[in-house]
Amino acid sequence: MQKEKENKKPFDKLGFTHLETEELVGNLNILLANYHLHYQKLRNFHWNVTGPDFFDVHEKLEEQYNLTQEQIDLVAERIRIFGKNPVSNLSEYLKMSKIKEVKKIPKARDMMLEILNDFEILHSFFVDTIDSAAEIGDSGTEDMIIQFMRKMEKTHWMFTSFVKEE
């Protein structure tokens, strides 16, 4: 019985220890914080877009914030899978996020440029998270983030086409 206790890892969620998941959970929390600022920016722009592109931009922003809300939930749940609590308050999000709030409501085209910038920031955190997941053999997190990345890359292409000036 004593030997059995000694062979057990101090923490075992999906076969990973606290130490093994520390960096990964940290990256997931940073991603979560950035996603929350991005989500709020999408909502802000959705509510406040005006001009000749109103219908197109309004609809696309709604699609994006709904998708982002789903992805936020998946990231938080992934953190819980590892027995940790996700960061869940606005003050922490604001401290941790590289994505920043906008102070003024931009025109529709500039909203899209701002969202494209957020995509680049989020993409960098996708890469960090994938790398830390791969390091410990966490295929579940890798797969989840790769799916997020694929969707974002396609949307990035579409938004880039929208803002392109002839």
Protein backbone atom coordinates (compact mmCIF):
# COMPACT_ATOMS: atom_id res chain seq x y z
CA MET A 1 0.00 0.00 0.00
CA GLN A 2 2.81 2.43 0.87
CA LYS A 3 4.65 1.69 -2.40
CA GLU A 4 1.43 2.32 -4.33
CA LYS A 5 1.16 5.79 -2.73
CA GLU A 6 4.79 6.61 -3.54
CA ASN A 7 4.32 5.80 -7.24
CA LYS A 8 1.37 8.14 -7.65
CA LYS A 9 1.91 11.56 -9.10
CA PRO A 10 1.06 14.40 -6.70
CA PHE A 11 -1.72 15.45 -9.07
CA ASP A 12 -3.15 13.47 -11.91
CA LYS A 13 -5.60 15.00 -14.38
CA LEU A 14 -5.51 13.19 -17.70
CA GLY A 15 -2.09 11.90 -16.71
CA PHE A 16 -0.51 15.37 -16.38
CA THR A 17 0.97 16.79 -13.19
CA HIS A 18 0.62 20.34 -11.88
CA LEU A 19 4.18 21.02 -12.96
CA GLU A 20 3.59 19.66 -16.46
CA THR A 21 0.49 21.80 -16.99
CA GLU A 22 1.69 24.99 -15.27
CA GLU A 23 2.98 26.67 -18.45
CA LEU A 24 0.06 25.42 -20.53
CA VAL A 25 -2.55 26.69 -18.06
CA GLY A 26 -0.69 30.00 -17.88
CA ASN A 27 -0.84 30.30 -21.68
CA LEU A 28 -4.52 29.34 -21.69
CA ASN A 29 -5.26 32.04 -19.10
CA ILE A 30 -3.39 34.66 -21.15
CA LEU A 31 -5.34 33.55 -24.21
CA LEU A 32 -8.55 33.77 -22.18
CA ALA A 33 -7.78 37.32 -21.07
CA ASN A 34 -7.05 38.41 -24.65
CA TYR A 35 -10.18 36.68 -25.91
CA HIS A 36 -12.30 38.59 -23.39
CA LEU A 37 -10.97 41.97 -24.50
CA HIS A 38 -11.44 40.94 -28.12
CA TYR A 39 -15.00 39.78 -27.38
CA GLN A 40 -15.91 43.07 -25.71
CA LYS A 41 -14.42 45.02 -28.61
CA LEU A 42 -16.52 42.99 -31.06
CA ARG A 43 -19.66 43.74 -29.03
CA ASN A 44 -18.79 47.42 -28.80
CA PHE A 45 -18.23 47.66 -32.56
CA HIS A 46 -21.37 45.63 -33.31
CA TRP A 47 -23.50 47.98 -31.24
CA ASN A 48 -21.94 51.15 -32.60
CA VAL A 49 -21.16 50.59 -36.29
CA THR A 50 -22.68 53.15 -38.67
CA GLY A 51 -22.39 54.08 -42.32
CA PRO A 52 -22.90 52.46 -45.70
CA ASP A 53 -21.31 49.16 -44.59
CA PHE A 54 -23.57 48.92 -41.54
CA PHE A 55 -25.46 45.74 -42.48
CA ASP A 56 -22.41 43.78 -43.59
CA VAL A 57 -20.18 44.81 -40.70
CA HIS A 58 -22.95 44.54 -38.08
CA GLU A 59 -23.71 40.97 -39.16
CA LYS A 60 -20.06 39.87 -39.36
CA LEU A 61 -19.26 41.30 -35.95
CA GLU A 62 -22.20 39.42 -34.44
CA GLU A 63 -20.96 36.18 -36.01
CA GLN A 64 -17.52 36.86 -34.58
CA TYR A 65 -18.62 37.66 -31.05
CA ASN A 66 -20.84 34.56 -30.94
CA LEU A 67 -17.92 32.40 -32.09
CA THR A 68 -15.56 34.12 -29.65
CA GLN A 69 -17.98 33.54 -26.78
CA GLU A 70 -18.03 29.80 -27.58
CA GLN A 71 -14.25 29.69 -27.77
CA ILE A 72 -13.88 31.56 -24.47
CA ASP A 73 -16.00 28.88 -22.83
CA LEU A 74 -13.93 26.09 -24.35
CA VAL A 75 -10.67 27.65 -23.15
CA ALA A 76 -12.02 28.11 -19.61
CA GLU A 77 -13.31 24.53 -19.55
CA ARG A 78 -9.95 23.26 -20.77
CA ILE A 79 -8.28 24.99 -17.82
CA ARG A 80 -10.78 23.31 -15.49
CA ILE A 81 -9.96 19.93 -17.05
CA PHE A 82 -6.47 20.37 -15.59
CA GLY A 83 -7.90 21.08 -12.14
CA LYS A 84 -7.17 24.81 -12.22
CA ASN A 85 -9.44 27.83 -12.09
CA PRO A 86 -9.52 30.12 -15.11
CA VAL A 87 -8.86 33.80 -14.58
CA SER A 88 -12.35 35.26 -14.44
CA ASN A 89 -12.39 38.91 -13.50
CA LEU A 90 -12.10 42.01 -15.64
CA SER A 91 -9.26 43.62 -13.71
CA GLU A 92 -7.09 40.55 -14.33
CA TYR A 93 -8.07 40.44 -18.00
CA LEU A 94 -7.07 44.06 -18.41
CA LYS A 95 -3.69 43.43 -16.75
CA MET A 96 -2.92 40.26 -18.71
CA SER A 97 -4.18 41.19 -22.16
CA LYS A 98 -2.10 42.60 -25.00
CA ILE A 99 -5.37 43.46 -26.74
CA LYS A 100 -6.47 46.87 -25.56
CA GLU A 101 -9.77 48.65 -25.38
CA VAL A 102 -10.55 51.39 -27.87
CA LYS A 103 -11.46 54.79 -26.47
CA LYS A 104 -13.31 56.14 -29.51
CA ILE A 105 -15.69 54.40 -31.87
CA PRO A 106 -13.90 54.10 -35.22
CA LYS A 107 -15.48 54.06 -38.67
CA ALA A 108 -16.50 50.62 -40.04
CA ARG A 109 -13.30 50.05 -42.05
CA ASP A 110 -11.14 51.01 -39.07
CA MET A 111 -13.15 48.64 -36.88
CA MET A 112 -12.21 45.83 -39.21
CA LEU A 113 -8.55 46.90 -39.16
CA GLU A 114 -8.67 46.87 -35.36
CA ILE A 115 -10.15 43.37 -35.38
CA LEU A 116 -7.43 42.23 -37.80
CA ASN A 117 -4.84 43.52 -35.36
CA ASP A 118 -6.54 41.56 -32.55
CA PHE A 119 -6.41 38.45 -34.73
CA GLU A 120 -2.64 38.80 -35.04
CA ILE A 121 -2.28 39.10 -31.27
CA LEU A 122 -4.56 36.12 -30.67
CA HIS A 123 -2.68 34.12 -33.30
CA SER A 124 0.59 34.63 -31.41
CA PHE A 125 -1.05 33.25 -28.25
CA PHE A 126 -2.46 30.32 -30.24
CA VAL A 127 1.11 29.44 -31.24
CA ASP A 128 2.37 29.73 -27.65
CA THR A 129 -0.45 27.52 -26.40
CA ILE A 130 0.05 24.92 -29.12
CA ASP A 131 3.78 24.82 -28.35
CA SER A 132 3.26 24.31 -24.61
CA ALA A 133 0.57 21.67 -25.25
CA ALA A 134 2.84 19.79 -27.68
CA GLU A 135 5.67 19.89 -25.15
CA ILE A 136 3.66 17.77 -22.68
CA GLY A 137 1.83 15.67 -25.28
CA ASP A 138 -1.56 17.32 -24.80
CA SER A 139 -3.22 16.56 -28.14
CA GLY A 140 -6.64 17.72 -26.91
CA THR A 141 -5.54 21.30 -26.33
CA GLU A 142 -3.47 21.32 -29.52
CA ASP A 143 -6.46 20.19 -31.56
CA MET A 144 -8.80 22.74 -29.97
CA ILE A 145 -6.46 25.66 -30.62
CA ILE A 146 -5.65 24.50 -34.16
CA GLN A 147 -9.38 24.53 -34.90
CA PHE A 148 -9.61 28.09 -33.53
CA MET A 149 -6.62 29.06 -35.66
CA ARG A 150 -8.10 27.66 -38.87
CA LYS A 151 -11.34 29.60 -38.40
CA MET A 152 -9.49 32.79 -37.56
CA GLU A 153 -7.14 32.50 -40.53
CA LYS A 154 -10.07 32.23 -42.92
CA THR A 155 -11.83 35.18 -41.29
CA HIS A 156 -8.56 37.17 -41.38
CA TRP A 157 -8.38 36.62 -45.13
CA MET A 158 -12.01 37.72 -45.59
CA PHE A 159 -11.66 40.82 -43.39
CA THR A 160 -8.41 41.72 -45.18
CA SER A 161 -10.27 41.51 -48.49
CA PHE A 162 -13.01 43.75 -47.09
CA VAL A 163 -10.61 46.53 -46.00
CA LYS A 164 -8.40 46.36 -49.09
CA GLU A 165 -8.40 49.62 -50.97
CA GLU A 166 -8.41 49.31 -54.73
